[in-house]
Structures are given as C-alpha cells and as structure tokens.
Amino acid sequence: MSLFISNAYAQEAGGAAGGGFEMLIMLGVFGLIFYFMLYRPQAKRVKDHKDLVTSLSKGDEVLTQGGMVGKIVKVTDEKDFIEIALNDSTNIVIQKSAVSAVLPKGTMKAI
C-alpha cells in the first residue's frame, strides 16, 4: 500500500505458555517471606504489649506513648484505665494500652 511503510503480518502461534507449577512455588515462597518478615514479628509485638498491659500493678513506674513518666496509683480491672501520678500533686487517668514500657523502680527519682 505505502511505499515507505511495510505491511505487518501476525506471528505464527508459538508454544503453549507453561509455568503453572513454578507459579505456585513462587506464590508459596512469597507467602513464607510475608509470614516471617511481616506477620510474625508484628504478632509477637502485639502479644508482648498485651502481656505488659495485663501485668500492670499499683506502684509500677511507667512510660506512656505520649512520653510522660509516672507511677501507677490506681488500677481498675473492669475498665481499661489506670491513674498515674506524674508528681506529688498531679494525677492523670489514661488507658492501659497507652503504656509503652514499665520502667525500673527509682527511675522517677533519677530523672
């Protein structure tokens, strides 16, 4: 038709595309990588934090997620709240899940 453009013809049918079993193996490998690098460490962190929250008791010195350091004055079991004394005159009420760490005894005096 055209002098400068050659005609394009379809290529003949090639061999059938394989790889069904290899695709399953690769999917399994990605699943294992996902489990060991993402899911398992996160589940361990959640379990450790849940154990920390259930072990809170009166007199523990704690660090909250907001960065406040205080001593637990009151723990309510039926509700998920604790009362923390920041100093001699200031008490606050926070959720148990807002505690990020239990500090060693005497930390507040050292600060």
N, C-alpha and C. Protein backbone atom coordinates (compact mmCIF):
# COMPACT_ATOMS: atom_id res chain seq x y z
N MET A 1 0.80 -1.18 0.00
CA MET A 1 0.00 0.00 0.00
C MET A 1 0.85 1.26 0.00
N SER A 2 1.68 1.36 0.97
CA SER A 2 2.50 2.54 1.06
C SER A 2 3.92 2.19 0.63
N LEU A 3 4.58 3.15 0.11
CA LEU A 3 5.94 2.90 -0.34
C LEU A 3 6.93 2.86 0.82
N PHE A 4 6.65 3.63 1.87
CA PHE A 4 7.60 3.75 2.97
C PHE A 4 7.29 2.87 4.17
N ILE A 5 6.10 2.37 4.28
CA ILE A 5 5.70 1.56 5.43
C ILE A 5 5.44 0.15 4.95
N SER A 6 6.15 -0.81 5.57
CA SER A 6 5.94 -2.19 5.16
C SER A 6 4.73 -2.76 5.88
N ASN A 7 4.14 -3.76 5.29
CA ASN A 7 2.98 -4.40 5.90
C ASN A 7 3.40 -5.23 7.10
N ALA A 8 2.56 -5.22 8.13
CA ALA A 8 2.83 -6.00 9.34
C ALA A 8 1.97 -7.26 9.29
N TYR A 9 2.60 -8.38 9.51
CA TYR A 9 1.88 -9.64 9.49
C TYR A 9 1.94 -10.26 10.89
N ALA A 10 0.91 -10.99 11.25
CA ALA A 10 0.86 -11.64 12.56
C ALA A 10 1.88 -12.76 12.62
N GLN A 11 2.42 -12.95 13.81
CA GLN A 11 3.39 -14.01 14.00
C GLN A 11 2.65 -15.33 14.15
N GLU A 12 3.31 -16.38 13.76
CA GLU A 12 2.69 -17.70 13.89
C GLU A 12 2.55 -18.06 15.36
N ALA A 13 1.58 -18.90 15.67
CA ALA A 13 1.34 -19.31 17.06
C ALA A 13 2.56 -20.04 17.60
N GLY A 14 3.01 -19.62 18.81
CA GLY A 14 4.18 -20.23 19.43
C GLY A 14 3.75 -21.38 20.32
N GLY A 15 4.69 -21.87 21.11
CA GLY A 15 4.40 -22.96 22.03
C GLY A 15 3.49 -22.49 23.16
N ALA A 16 2.84 -23.43 23.80
CA ALA A 16 1.94 -23.09 24.90
C ALA A 16 2.75 -22.57 26.08
N ALA A 17 2.22 -21.56 26.75
CA ALA A 17 2.90 -20.98 27.90
C ALA A 17 2.76 -21.92 29.09
N GLY A 18 3.88 -22.34 29.65
CA GLY A 18 3.87 -23.21 30.82
C GLY A 18 4.05 -22.39 32.07
N GLY A 19 4.43 -23.03 33.15
CA GLY A 19 4.74 -22.29 34.36
C GLY A 19 3.67 -22.35 35.41
N GLY A 20 2.72 -23.22 35.32
CA GLY A 20 1.69 -23.30 36.35
C GLY A 20 2.25 -23.76 37.69
N PHE A 21 3.09 -24.78 37.67
CA PHE A 21 3.68 -25.31 38.91
C PHE A 21 4.71 -24.34 39.47
N GLU A 22 5.51 -23.72 38.58
CA GLU A 22 6.50 -22.76 39.04
C GLU A 22 5.83 -21.55 39.68
N MET A 23 4.69 -21.16 39.15
CA MET A 23 3.95 -20.03 39.72
C MET A 23 3.46 -20.35 41.12
N LEU A 24 3.02 -21.58 41.35
CA LEU A 24 2.58 -21.99 42.69
C LEU A 24 3.74 -21.99 43.67
N ILE A 25 4.90 -22.44 43.23
CA ILE A 25 6.08 -22.44 44.10
C ILE A 25 6.45 -21.00 44.46
N MET A 26 6.46 -20.12 43.48
CA MET A 26 6.80 -18.72 43.74
C MET A 26 5.78 -18.07 44.68
N LEU A 27 4.52 -18.38 44.51
CA LEU A 27 3.49 -17.85 45.40
C LEU A 27 3.70 -18.35 46.83
N GLY A 28 4.08 -19.61 46.97
CA GLY A 28 4.38 -20.16 48.30
C GLY A 28 5.58 -19.49 48.94
N VAL A 29 6.62 -19.23 48.15
CA VAL A 29 7.81 -18.55 48.67
C VAL A 29 7.45 -17.13 49.13
N PHE A 30 6.66 -16.42 48.35
CA PHE A 30 6.24 -15.07 48.76
C PHE A 30 5.38 -15.13 50.01
N GLY A 31 4.56 -16.15 50.14
CA GLY A 31 3.77 -16.31 51.35
C GLY A 31 4.64 -16.53 52.58
N LEU A 32 5.69 -17.34 52.44
CA LEU A 32 6.62 -17.57 53.56
C LEU A 32 7.38 -16.30 53.92
N ILE A 33 7.82 -15.55 52.92
CA ILE A 33 8.51 -14.29 53.18
C ILE A 33 7.59 -13.33 53.91
N PHE A 34 6.35 -13.23 53.46
CA PHE A 34 5.37 -12.36 54.11
C PHE A 34 5.17 -12.78 55.56
N TYR A 35 5.05 -14.08 55.82
CA TYR A 35 4.81 -14.56 57.17
C TYR A 35 5.98 -14.26 58.10
N PHE A 36 7.20 -14.60 57.67
CA PHE A 36 8.36 -14.47 58.55
C PHE A 36 8.88 -13.04 58.68
N MET A 37 8.64 -12.19 57.69
CA MET A 37 9.18 -10.83 57.77
C MET A 37 8.16 -9.80 58.20
N LEU A 38 6.88 -10.06 58.03
CA LEU A 38 5.88 -9.06 58.38
C LEU A 38 4.93 -9.52 59.49
N TYR A 39 4.26 -10.63 59.27
CA TYR A 39 3.20 -11.04 60.18
C TYR A 39 3.74 -11.51 61.54
N ARG A 40 4.72 -12.37 61.54
CA ARG A 40 5.22 -12.97 62.78
C ARG A 40 5.82 -11.94 63.74
N PRO A 41 6.69 -11.02 63.29
CA PRO A 41 7.20 -10.01 64.23
C PRO A 41 6.11 -9.10 64.78
N GLN A 42 5.14 -8.73 63.95
CA GLN A 42 4.06 -7.87 64.43
C GLN A 42 3.20 -8.59 65.45
N ALA A 43 2.90 -9.85 65.20
CA ALA A 43 2.11 -10.63 66.16
C ALA A 43 2.86 -10.78 67.48
N LYS A 44 4.17 -10.92 67.44
CA LYS A 44 4.97 -11.02 68.66
C LYS A 44 4.93 -9.71 69.43
N ARG A 45 5.04 -8.56 68.73
CA ARG A 45 4.96 -7.27 69.39
C ARG A 45 3.61 -7.06 70.05
N VAL A 46 2.55 -7.44 69.37
CA VAL A 46 1.20 -7.30 69.93
C VAL A 46 1.04 -8.17 71.17
N LYS A 47 1.55 -9.38 71.13
CA LYS A 47 1.47 -10.29 72.28
C LYS A 47 2.27 -9.75 73.46
N ASP A 48 3.47 -9.23 73.21
CA ASP A 48 4.29 -8.66 74.27
C ASP A 48 3.61 -7.45 74.91
N HIS A 49 2.99 -6.58 74.10
CA HIS A 49 2.31 -5.41 74.65
C HIS A 49 1.08 -5.82 75.46
N LYS A 50 0.36 -6.84 74.99
CA LYS A 50 -0.80 -7.32 75.74
C LYS A 50 -0.37 -7.89 77.09
N ASP A 51 0.74 -8.63 77.12
CA ASP A 51 1.26 -9.15 78.39
C ASP A 51 1.68 -8.01 79.31
N LEU A 52 2.30 -6.96 78.75
CA LEU A 52 2.70 -5.80 79.54
C LEU A 52 1.50 -5.12 80.16
N VAL A 53 0.44 -4.94 79.39
CA VAL A 53 -0.76 -4.25 79.88
C VAL A 53 -1.44 -5.06 80.97
N THR A 54 -1.48 -6.38 80.83
CA THR A 54 -2.15 -7.19 81.85
C THR A 54 -1.33 -7.30 83.13
N SER A 55 -0.02 -7.06 83.05
CA SER A 55 0.83 -7.18 84.24
C SER A 55 0.98 -5.87 85.02
N LEU A 56 0.31 -4.80 84.59
CA LEU A 56 0.43 -3.53 85.30
C LEU A 56 -0.16 -3.64 86.69
N SER A 57 0.54 -3.08 87.68
CA SER A 57 0.03 -3.10 89.05
C SER A 57 0.38 -1.79 89.74
N LYS A 58 -0.24 -1.57 90.87
CA LYS A 58 -0.03 -0.35 91.64
C LYS A 58 1.43 -0.26 92.08
N GLY A 59 2.02 0.92 91.91
CA GLY A 59 3.41 1.14 92.31
C GLY A 59 4.40 1.03 91.17
N ASP A 60 3.99 0.52 90.02
CA ASP A 60 4.91 0.42 88.87
C ASP A 60 5.16 1.81 88.30
N GLU A 61 6.39 2.04 87.87
CA GLU A 61 6.72 3.28 87.18
C GLU A 61 6.66 3.00 85.69
N VAL A 62 5.90 3.82 84.97
CA VAL A 62 5.63 3.54 83.56
C VAL A 62 5.96 4.73 82.68
N LEU A 63 6.18 4.43 81.41
CA LEU A 63 6.37 5.43 80.36
C LEU A 63 5.18 5.31 79.42
N THR A 64 4.49 6.42 79.16
CA THR A 64 3.34 6.38 78.26
C THR A 64 3.79 6.65 76.84
N GLN A 65 2.88 6.42 75.89
CA GLN A 65 3.19 6.68 74.49
C GLN A 65 3.38 8.17 74.22
N GLY A 66 2.81 9.00 75.09
CA GLY A 66 2.98 10.45 74.95
C GLY A 66 4.29 10.94 75.52
N GLY A 67 5.06 10.08 76.18
CA GLY A 67 6.34 10.47 76.72
C GLY A 67 6.32 10.86 78.18
N MET A 68 5.17 10.69 78.86
CA MET A 68 5.09 11.04 80.28
C MET A 68 5.53 9.86 81.13
N VAL A 69 6.27 10.18 82.19
CA VAL A 69 6.73 9.17 83.13
C VAL A 69 5.98 9.38 84.42
N GLY A 70 5.42 8.29 84.97
CA GLY A 70 4.68 8.40 86.21
C GLY A 70 4.61 7.09 86.95
N LYS A 71 4.03 7.16 88.14
CA LYS A 71 3.88 5.99 89.00
C LYS A 71 2.40 5.65 89.08
N ILE A 72 2.07 4.38 88.91
CA ILE A 72 0.66 3.95 88.93
C ILE A 72 0.12 4.06 90.35
N VAL A 73 -1.01 4.77 90.48
CA VAL A 73 -1.65 4.96 91.77
C VAL A 73 -2.85 4.03 91.92
N LYS A 74 -3.59 3.84 90.82
CA LYS A 74 -4.81 3.06 90.89
C LYS A 74 -5.01 2.31 89.58
N VAL A 75 -5.38 1.03 89.69
CA VAL A 75 -5.64 0.20 88.52
C VAL A 75 -7.07 -0.32 88.64
N THR A 76 -7.87 -0.11 87.60
CA THR A 76 -9.22 -0.65 87.59
C THR A 76 -9.26 -1.84 86.64
N ASP A 77 -9.75 -2.96 87.12
CA ASP A 77 -9.77 -4.17 86.29
C ASP A 77 -10.98 -4.22 85.37
N GLU A 78 -12.13 -3.72 85.83
CA GLU A 78 -13.33 -3.80 85.00
C GLU A 78 -13.27 -2.82 83.84
N LYS A 79 -12.55 -1.72 84.01
CA LYS A 79 -12.35 -0.76 82.93
C LYS A 79 -10.88 -0.80 82.55
N ASP A 80 -10.57 -0.34 81.38
CA ASP A 80 -9.19 -0.37 80.91
C ASP A 80 -8.47 0.94 81.17
N PHE A 81 -8.61 1.48 82.38
CA PHE A 81 -7.97 2.75 82.71
C PHE A 81 -7.12 2.60 83.96
N ILE A 82 -6.06 3.40 84.02
CA ILE A 82 -5.22 3.46 85.21
C ILE A 82 -5.00 4.93 85.56
N GLU A 83 -4.71 5.17 86.83
CA GLU A 83 -4.41 6.52 87.29
C GLU A 83 -2.92 6.59 87.58
N ILE A 84 -2.28 7.60 87.03
CA ILE A 84 -0.83 7.76 87.15
C ILE A 84 -0.53 9.07 87.86
N ALA A 85 0.40 9.03 88.82
CA ALA A 85 0.88 10.24 89.49
C ALA A 85 2.13 10.71 88.78
N LEU A 86 2.06 11.88 88.17
CA LEU A 86 3.22 12.45 87.48
C LEU A 86 4.19 13.08 88.48
N ASN A 87 3.62 13.71 89.51
CA ASN A 87 4.41 14.23 90.62
C ASN A 87 3.52 14.17 91.86
N ASP A 88 3.89 14.86 92.92
CA ASP A 88 3.13 14.76 94.17
C ASP A 88 1.72 15.33 94.07
N SER A 89 1.50 16.28 93.17
CA SER A 89 0.20 16.94 93.13
C SER A 89 -0.58 16.69 91.84
N THR A 90 -0.02 16.04 90.85
CA THR A 90 -0.68 15.87 89.56
C THR A 90 -0.92 14.39 89.27
N ASN A 91 -2.20 14.04 89.14
CA ASN A 91 -2.59 12.69 88.73
C ASN A 91 -3.35 12.78 87.42
N ILE A 92 -3.14 11.79 86.56
CA ILE A 92 -3.89 11.72 85.31
C ILE A 92 -4.45 10.32 85.16
N VAL A 93 -5.51 10.21 84.38
CA VAL A 93 -6.13 8.92 84.07
C VAL A 93 -5.91 8.64 82.59
N ILE A 94 -5.34 7.47 82.30
CA ILE A 94 -5.08 7.09 80.92
C ILE A 94 -5.56 5.66 80.69
N GLN A 95 -5.65 5.28 79.43
CA GLN A 95 -5.95 3.89 79.10
C GLN A 95 -4.72 3.03 79.33
N LYS A 96 -4.96 1.78 79.69
CA LYS A 96 -3.84 0.86 79.92
C LYS A 96 -3.03 0.66 78.65
N SER A 97 -3.69 0.69 77.50
CA SER A 97 -2.98 0.44 76.24
C SER A 97 -2.05 1.59 75.86
N ALA A 98 -2.15 2.74 76.54
CA ALA A 98 -1.26 3.87 76.25
C ALA A 98 0.09 3.73 76.94
N VAL A 99 0.26 2.70 77.77
CA VAL A 99 1.54 2.47 78.42
C VAL A 99 2.46 1.76 77.43
N SER A 100 3.65 2.32 77.23
CA SER A 100 4.57 1.71 76.28
C SER A 100 5.66 0.90 76.96
N ALA A 101 5.98 1.21 78.23
CA ALA A 101 7.03 0.45 78.91
C ALA A 101 6.88 0.59 80.41
N VAL A 102 7.30 -0.44 81.12
CA VAL A 102 7.39 -0.39 82.58
C VAL A 102 8.86 -0.15 82.90
N LEU A 103 9.11 0.92 83.66
CA LEU A 103 10.48 1.32 83.98
C LEU A 103 10.94 0.68 85.28
N PRO A 104 12.25 0.55 85.47
CA PRO A 104 12.76 0.02 86.74
C PRO A 104 12.42 0.96 87.90
N LYS A 105 12.30 0.39 89.10
CA LYS A 105 11.98 1.18 90.28
C LYS A 105 13.07 2.23 90.50
N GLY A 106 12.65 3.44 90.88
CA GLY A 106 13.60 4.50 91.14
C GLY A 106 13.94 5.36 89.94
N THR A 107 13.33 5.08 88.81
CA THR A 107 13.62 5.88 87.61
C THR A 107 13.14 7.31 87.75
N MET A 108 11.98 7.50 88.38
CA MET A 108 11.45 8.84 88.52
C MET A 108 12.34 9.69 89.41
N LYS A 109 12.95 9.11 90.43
CA LYS A 109 13.84 9.86 91.32
C LYS A 109 15.12 10.26 90.58
N ALA A 110 15.56 9.40 89.66
CA ALA A 110 16.81 9.65 88.94
C ALA A 110 16.64 10.73 87.87
N ILE A 111 15.43 10.96 87.44
CA ILE A 111 15.20 11.95 86.36
C ILE A 111 15.25 13.31 86.89
